[in-house]
Amino acid sequence: MKIYIGHASKLNFKKELYQPIRESQLNLEHEIILPHEIYSEASDFVTRDIIKTCDVMIAEVSFPATGLGIELGWADSAGTPIICIYRKGQKVVESLNVITDNFIEYVDTDDMMNKISDIIRDVTR
């Protein structure tokens, strides 16, 4: 499965998102696209085109962000299923309800990874 991970730049994404994902079993079993890793390596990376080829987009939506909103719009337009995850206590932007009803709250990195693993396992069945 090809999974695109979107997030706000305000999030400490390298430590709180990228590192746990790269160290997980999911990383061994699926193709995980972490956009800021690729941006630094490939000048021809076109997010809109990549999202169209993904089986699912997981968006960390604890912080509102224009860029993430654009990516979510592209995923929705392409028919890519969207799963939103957010840290407990964060207020999620209500407009996200228009593009998905899949919202997962997590309390810490371990909880986040367990829930993402469960979601992906359910999607691949």
N, C-alpha and C. Protein backbone atom coordinates (compact mmCIF):
# COMPACT_ATOMS: atom_id res chain seq x y z
N MET A 1 0.85 -1.17 0.00
CA MET A 1 0.00 0.00 0.00
C MET A 1 0.89 1.24 0.00
N LYS A 2 0.49 2.24 -0.75
CA LYS A 2 1.22 3.50 -0.83
C LYS A 2 0.47 4.54 0.01
N ILE A 3 1.17 5.08 1.02
CA ILE A 3 0.55 5.97 2.01
C ILE A 3 1.27 7.32 2.00
N TYR A 4 0.50 8.38 1.80
CA TYR A 4 1.03 9.74 1.86
C TYR A 4 0.72 10.30 3.24
N ILE A 5 1.72 10.87 3.90
CA ILE A 5 1.55 11.47 5.22
C ILE A 5 1.64 12.98 5.08
N GLY A 6 0.54 13.68 5.37
CA GLY A 6 0.53 15.13 5.34
C GLY A 6 0.50 15.70 6.74
N HIS A 7 0.99 16.93 6.89
CA HIS A 7 1.05 17.56 8.21
C HIS A 7 1.34 19.04 8.06
N ALA A 8 1.12 19.77 9.12
CA ALA A 8 1.48 21.18 9.18
C ALA A 8 2.97 21.31 9.49
N SER A 9 3.59 22.35 8.99
CA SER A 9 5.00 22.56 9.30
C SER A 9 5.20 23.00 10.75
N LYS A 10 4.13 23.47 11.38
CA LYS A 10 4.19 23.88 12.79
C LYS A 10 4.45 22.68 13.72
N LEU A 11 4.04 21.51 13.29
CA LEU A 11 4.28 20.28 14.05
C LEU A 11 5.76 19.95 14.02
N ASN A 12 6.29 19.44 15.10
CA ASN A 12 7.68 18.95 15.10
C ASN A 12 7.66 17.59 14.39
N PHE A 13 7.43 17.64 13.08
CA PHE A 13 7.13 16.44 12.30
C PHE A 13 8.29 15.45 12.22
N LYS A 14 9.51 15.93 12.21
CA LYS A 14 10.65 15.01 12.11
C LYS A 14 10.72 14.08 13.32
N LYS A 15 10.51 14.67 14.50
CA LYS A 15 10.59 13.89 15.74
C LYS A 15 9.28 13.16 16.06
N GLU A 16 8.15 13.86 15.90
CA GLU A 16 6.87 13.32 16.35
C GLU A 16 6.14 12.48 15.31
N LEU A 17 6.56 12.55 14.06
CA LEU A 17 5.84 11.84 13.01
C LEU A 17 6.79 10.99 12.16
N TYR A 18 7.78 11.62 11.55
CA TYR A 18 8.65 10.90 10.63
C TYR A 18 9.46 9.81 11.32
N GLN A 19 10.11 10.15 12.42
CA GLN A 19 10.95 9.16 13.11
C GLN A 19 10.15 7.95 13.57
N PRO A 20 9.01 8.12 14.26
CA PRO A 20 8.25 6.94 14.67
C PRO A 20 7.75 6.10 13.49
N ILE A 21 7.38 6.76 12.40
CA ILE A 21 6.91 6.01 11.24
C ILE A 21 8.05 5.23 10.61
N ARG A 22 9.20 5.86 10.43
CA ARG A 22 10.34 5.18 9.80
C ARG A 22 10.84 4.03 10.66
N GLU A 23 10.66 4.11 11.97
CA GLU A 23 11.11 3.05 12.87
C GLU A 23 10.06 1.96 13.08
N SER A 24 8.93 2.07 12.43
CA SER A 24 7.82 1.14 12.65
C SER A 24 7.79 0.01 11.64
N GLN A 25 7.01 -0.99 11.97
CA GLN A 25 6.77 -2.12 11.06
C GLN A 25 6.06 -1.66 9.79
N LEU A 26 5.22 -0.64 9.91
CA LEU A 26 4.52 -0.09 8.74
C LEU A 26 5.50 0.31 7.65
N ASN A 27 6.62 0.88 8.06
CA ASN A 27 7.61 1.34 7.10
C ASN A 27 8.19 0.17 6.29
N LEU A 28 8.23 -1.00 6.90
CA LEU A 28 8.76 -2.19 6.22
C LEU A 28 7.71 -2.82 5.30
N GLU A 29 6.45 -2.64 5.64
CA GLU A 29 5.37 -3.32 4.91
C GLU A 29 4.72 -2.47 3.83
N HIS A 30 4.90 -1.15 3.87
CA HIS A 30 4.21 -0.25 2.94
C HIS A 30 5.16 0.81 2.40
N GLU A 31 4.76 1.42 1.32
CA GLU A 31 5.51 2.55 0.79
C GLU A 31 4.96 3.81 1.45
N ILE A 32 5.77 4.42 2.29
CA ILE A 32 5.36 5.60 3.04
C ILE A 32 6.00 6.83 2.41
N ILE A 33 5.16 7.79 2.03
CA ILE A 33 5.65 9.04 1.45
C ILE A 33 5.62 10.11 2.53
N LEU A 34 6.79 10.57 2.93
CA LEU A 34 6.93 11.66 3.88
C LEU A 34 7.48 12.85 3.10
N PRO A 35 6.62 13.81 2.77
CA PRO A 35 6.97 14.82 1.77
C PRO A 35 8.21 15.63 2.05
N HIS A 36 8.50 15.96 3.29
CA HIS A 36 9.66 16.80 3.54
C HIS A 36 10.97 16.04 3.45
N GLU A 37 10.94 14.73 3.49
CA GLU A 37 12.13 13.94 3.17
C GLU A 37 12.41 14.04 1.68
N ILE A 38 11.37 13.94 0.88
CA ILE A 38 11.51 13.92 -0.57
C ILE A 38 11.87 15.30 -1.10
N TYR A 39 11.26 16.35 -0.55
CA TYR A 39 11.55 17.70 -1.02
C TYR A 39 13.05 17.98 -0.98
N SER A 40 13.71 17.49 0.04
CA SER A 40 15.14 17.76 0.17
C SER A 40 15.98 16.92 -0.80
N GLU A 41 15.40 15.87 -1.35
CA GLU A 41 16.14 14.97 -2.23
C GLU A 41 15.78 15.10 -3.70
N ALA A 42 14.56 15.54 -4.01
CA ALA A 42 14.10 15.53 -5.40
C ALA A 42 13.49 16.87 -5.79
N SER A 43 14.09 17.50 -6.77
CA SER A 43 13.57 18.79 -7.20
C SER A 43 12.33 18.64 -8.08
N ASP A 44 12.08 17.43 -8.60
CA ASP A 44 10.94 17.21 -9.48
C ASP A 44 9.73 16.60 -8.76
N PHE A 45 9.74 16.63 -7.45
CA PHE A 45 8.65 16.09 -6.64
C PHE A 45 7.43 16.99 -6.78
N VAL A 46 6.33 16.45 -7.27
CA VAL A 46 5.08 17.21 -7.44
C VAL A 46 4.03 16.56 -6.55
N THR A 47 3.75 17.19 -5.44
CA THR A 47 2.85 16.63 -4.44
C THR A 47 1.52 16.20 -5.02
N ARG A 48 0.90 17.04 -5.81
CA ARG A 48 -0.42 16.75 -6.39
C ARG A 48 -0.39 15.43 -7.17
N ASP A 49 0.67 15.23 -7.96
CA ASP A 49 0.78 14.01 -8.75
C ASP A 49 1.04 12.79 -7.88
N ILE A 50 1.84 12.94 -6.84
CA ILE A 50 2.13 11.83 -5.93
C ILE A 50 0.86 11.41 -5.19
N ILE A 51 0.10 12.37 -4.68
CA ILE A 51 -1.12 12.06 -3.92
C ILE A 51 -2.09 11.26 -4.78
N LYS A 52 -2.18 11.56 -6.06
CA LYS A 52 -3.09 10.84 -6.97
C LYS A 52 -2.76 9.36 -7.05
N THR A 53 -1.50 9.00 -6.81
CA THR A 53 -1.08 7.60 -6.94
C THR A 53 -1.16 6.83 -5.63
N CYS A 54 -1.53 7.50 -4.55
CA CYS A 54 -1.55 6.85 -3.23
C CYS A 54 -2.87 6.14 -2.96
N ASP A 55 -2.77 5.10 -2.14
CA ASP A 55 -3.96 4.34 -1.74
C ASP A 55 -4.70 5.02 -0.60
N VAL A 56 -3.99 5.80 0.19
CA VAL A 56 -4.59 6.50 1.33
C VAL A 56 -3.70 7.68 1.71
N MET A 57 -4.34 8.73 2.24
CA MET A 57 -3.59 9.85 2.81
C MET A 57 -3.92 9.92 4.29
N ILE A 58 -2.86 9.96 5.09
CA ILE A 58 -3.02 10.19 6.52
C ILE A 58 -2.56 11.61 6.78
N ALA A 59 -3.43 12.41 7.36
CA ALA A 59 -3.13 13.81 7.63
C ALA A 59 -3.10 14.06 9.13
N GLU A 60 -1.98 14.56 9.63
CA GLU A 60 -1.87 14.96 11.02
C GLU A 60 -2.43 16.38 11.08
N VAL A 61 -3.61 16.54 11.67
CA VAL A 61 -4.35 17.81 11.60
C VAL A 61 -4.43 18.55 12.94
N SER A 62 -3.48 18.32 13.82
CA SER A 62 -3.49 19.01 15.11
C SER A 62 -3.35 20.51 14.97
N PHE A 63 -2.71 20.96 13.89
CA PHE A 63 -2.51 22.38 13.63
C PHE A 63 -3.06 22.70 12.24
N PRO A 64 -3.89 23.73 12.12
CA PRO A 64 -4.38 24.11 10.80
C PRO A 64 -3.22 24.65 9.96
N ALA A 65 -3.25 24.35 8.66
CA ALA A 65 -2.18 24.81 7.77
C ALA A 65 -2.71 24.89 6.34
N THR A 66 -2.40 25.96 5.68
CA THR A 66 -2.86 26.16 4.31
C THR A 66 -2.33 25.08 3.37
N GLY A 67 -1.04 24.78 3.45
CA GLY A 67 -0.45 23.77 2.58
C GLY A 67 -1.08 22.41 2.77
N LEU A 68 -1.31 22.03 4.00
CA LEU A 68 -1.97 20.76 4.28
C LEU A 68 -3.40 20.77 3.74
N GLY A 69 -4.08 21.89 3.88
CA GLY A 69 -5.43 22.00 3.33
C GLY A 69 -5.45 21.80 1.82
N ILE A 70 -4.47 22.35 1.14
CA ILE A 70 -4.36 22.17 -0.31
C ILE A 70 -4.13 20.70 -0.64
N GLU A 71 -3.22 20.06 0.09
CA GLU A 71 -2.96 18.63 -0.14
C GLU A 71 -4.22 17.80 0.10
N LEU A 72 -4.96 18.13 1.14
CA LEU A 72 -6.21 17.41 1.42
C LEU A 72 -7.22 17.61 0.29
N GLY A 73 -7.27 18.80 -0.26
CA GLY A 73 -8.15 19.06 -1.40
C GLY A 73 -7.75 18.22 -2.61
N TRP A 74 -6.47 18.11 -2.86
CA TRP A 74 -6.00 17.27 -3.97
C TRP A 74 -6.36 15.81 -3.75
N ALA A 75 -6.17 15.34 -2.52
CA ALA A 75 -6.51 13.94 -2.20
C ALA A 75 -8.01 13.71 -2.39
N ASP A 76 -8.81 14.63 -1.91
CA ASP A 76 -10.26 14.50 -2.05
C ASP A 76 -10.66 14.49 -3.52
N SER A 77 -10.10 15.39 -4.30
CA SER A 77 -10.41 15.46 -5.73
C SER A 77 -9.99 14.19 -6.47
N ALA A 78 -8.90 13.58 -6.02
CA ALA A 78 -8.40 12.36 -6.67
C ALA A 78 -9.14 11.11 -6.19
N GLY A 79 -10.00 11.27 -5.18
CA GLY A 79 -10.70 10.11 -4.64
C GLY A 79 -9.84 9.27 -3.70
N THR A 80 -8.74 9.84 -3.23
CA THR A 80 -7.85 9.14 -2.30
C THR A 80 -8.48 9.19 -0.91
N PRO A 81 -8.68 8.03 -0.27
CA PRO A 81 -9.25 8.04 1.08
C PRO A 81 -8.36 8.84 2.03
N ILE A 82 -8.99 9.59 2.92
CA ILE A 82 -8.28 10.46 3.86
C ILE A 82 -8.61 10.04 5.28
N ILE A 83 -7.55 9.90 6.08
CA ILE A 83 -7.69 9.63 7.51
C ILE A 83 -6.98 10.76 8.24
N CYS A 84 -7.70 11.43 9.12
CA CYS A 84 -7.12 12.52 9.89
C CYS A 84 -6.78 12.03 11.30
N ILE A 85 -5.57 12.34 11.73
CA ILE A 85 -5.16 12.03 13.09
C ILE A 85 -4.84 13.35 13.79
N TYR A 86 -5.06 13.38 15.10
CA TYR A 86 -4.76 14.61 15.85
C TYR A 86 -4.49 14.27 17.30
N ARG A 87 -3.66 15.11 17.91
CA ARG A 87 -3.29 14.92 19.31
C ARG A 87 -4.45 15.32 20.21
N LYS A 88 -4.68 14.51 21.25
CA LYS A 88 -5.74 14.78 22.21
C LYS A 88 -5.58 16.20 22.76
N GLY A 89 -6.71 16.91 22.81
CA GLY A 89 -6.71 18.27 23.33
C GLY A 89 -6.61 19.33 22.25
N GLN A 90 -6.28 18.94 21.04
CA GLN A 90 -6.21 19.90 19.93
C GLN A 90 -7.59 20.03 19.30
N LYS A 91 -7.92 21.23 18.89
CA LYS A 91 -9.20 21.49 18.23
C LYS A 91 -9.01 21.28 16.72
N VAL A 92 -9.79 20.38 16.17
CA VAL A 92 -9.71 20.07 14.74
C VAL A 92 -10.63 21.01 13.97
N VAL A 93 -10.15 21.52 12.86
CA VAL A 93 -10.92 22.43 12.02
C VAL A 93 -12.15 21.69 11.49
N GLU A 94 -13.33 22.27 11.71
CA GLU A 94 -14.59 21.60 11.35
C GLU A 94 -14.76 21.38 9.86
N SER A 95 -14.13 22.21 9.03
CA SER A 95 -14.28 22.05 7.58
C SER A 95 -13.73 20.71 7.08
N LEU A 96 -12.92 20.04 7.87
CA LEU A 96 -12.41 18.72 7.48
C LEU A 96 -13.53 17.69 7.36
N ASN A 97 -14.63 17.94 8.04
CA ASN A 97 -15.77 17.01 7.97
C ASN A 97 -16.34 16.88 6.56
N VAL A 98 -16.05 17.85 5.71
CA VAL A 98 -16.54 17.82 4.33
C VAL A 98 -15.80 16.75 3.51
N ILE A 99 -14.53 16.49 3.85
CA ILE A 99 -13.73 15.57 3.04
C ILE A 99 -13.54 14.19 3.65
N THR A 100 -13.82 14.05 4.94
CA THR A 100 -13.66 12.74 5.57
C THR A 100 -14.46 12.66 6.86
N ASP A 101 -14.79 11.45 7.23
CA ASP A 101 -15.39 11.23 8.54
C ASP A 101 -14.49 10.31 9.37
N ASN A 102 -13.26 10.14 8.90
CA ASN A 102 -12.28 9.29 9.59
C ASN A 102 -11.33 10.16 10.41
N PHE A 103 -11.60 10.28 11.71
CA PHE A 103 -10.79 11.07 12.61
C PHE A 103 -10.32 10.18 13.75
N ILE A 104 -9.03 10.21 14.01
CA ILE A 104 -8.44 9.39 15.07
C ILE A 104 -7.68 10.30 16.03
N GLU A 105 -8.07 10.24 17.30
CA GLU A 105 -7.40 11.02 18.34
C GLU A 105 -6.33 10.13 18.98
N TYR A 106 -5.16 10.72 19.28
CA TYR A 106 -4.10 9.97 19.95
C TYR A 106 -3.54 10.79 21.10
N VAL A 107 -2.92 10.11 22.08
CA VAL A 107 -2.40 10.81 23.25
C VAL A 107 -0.89 11.02 23.20
N ASP A 108 -0.17 10.13 22.55
CA ASP A 108 1.28 10.26 22.44
C ASP A 108 1.74 9.50 21.20
N THR A 109 3.03 9.51 20.95
CA THR A 109 3.57 8.89 19.74
C THR A 109 3.27 7.40 19.68
N ASP A 110 3.42 6.70 20.78
CA ASP A 110 3.13 5.26 20.78
C ASP A 110 1.66 4.99 20.45
N ASP A 111 0.78 5.74 21.06
CA ASP A 111 -0.65 5.61 20.79
C ASP A 111 -0.94 5.92 19.32
N MET A 112 -0.31 6.98 18.80
CA MET A 112 -0.49 7.34 17.40
C MET A 112 -0.08 6.19 16.49
N MET A 113 1.08 5.61 16.72
CA MET A 113 1.56 4.54 15.85
C MET A 113 0.67 3.30 15.96
N ASN A 114 0.21 2.98 17.15
CA ASN A 114 -0.70 1.84 17.31
C ASN A 114 -1.99 2.06 16.52
N LYS A 115 -2.52 3.26 16.61
CA LYS A 115 -3.78 3.55 15.91
C LYS A 115 -3.59 3.61 14.40
N ILE A 116 -2.48 4.18 13.94
CA ILE A 116 -2.21 4.18 12.50
C ILE A 116 -2.07 2.74 12.00
N SER A 117 -1.35 1.92 12.74
CA SER A 117 -1.18 0.50 12.35
C SER A 117 -2.52 -0.20 12.27
N ASP A 118 -3.38 0.03 13.24
CA ASP A 118 -4.72 -0.58 13.23
C ASP A 118 -5.52 -0.12 12.02
N ILE A 119 -5.46 1.17 11.72
CA ILE A 119 -6.21 1.72 10.57
C ILE A 119 -5.74 1.07 9.28
N ILE A 120 -4.44 1.04 9.10
CA ILE A 120 -3.88 0.48 7.86
C ILE A 120 -4.20 -1.01 7.75
N ARG A 121 -4.14 -1.70 8.86
CA ARG A 121 -4.49 -3.13 8.85
C ARG A 121 -5.95 -3.32 8.43
N ASP A 122 -6.84 -2.47 8.94
CA ASP A 122 -8.26 -2.54 8.57
C ASP A 122 -8.48 -2.21 7.10
N VAL A 123 -7.76 -1.21 6.58
CA VAL A 123 -7.91 -0.80 5.19
C VAL A 123 -7.44 -1.87 4.24
N THR A 124 -6.39 -2.61 4.62
CA THR A 124 -5.83 -3.61 3.72
C THR A 124 -6.56 -4.94 3.76
N ARG A 125 -7.53 -5.08 4.62
CA ARG A 125 -8.30 -6.34 4.69
C ARG A 125 -9.32 -6.41 3.61
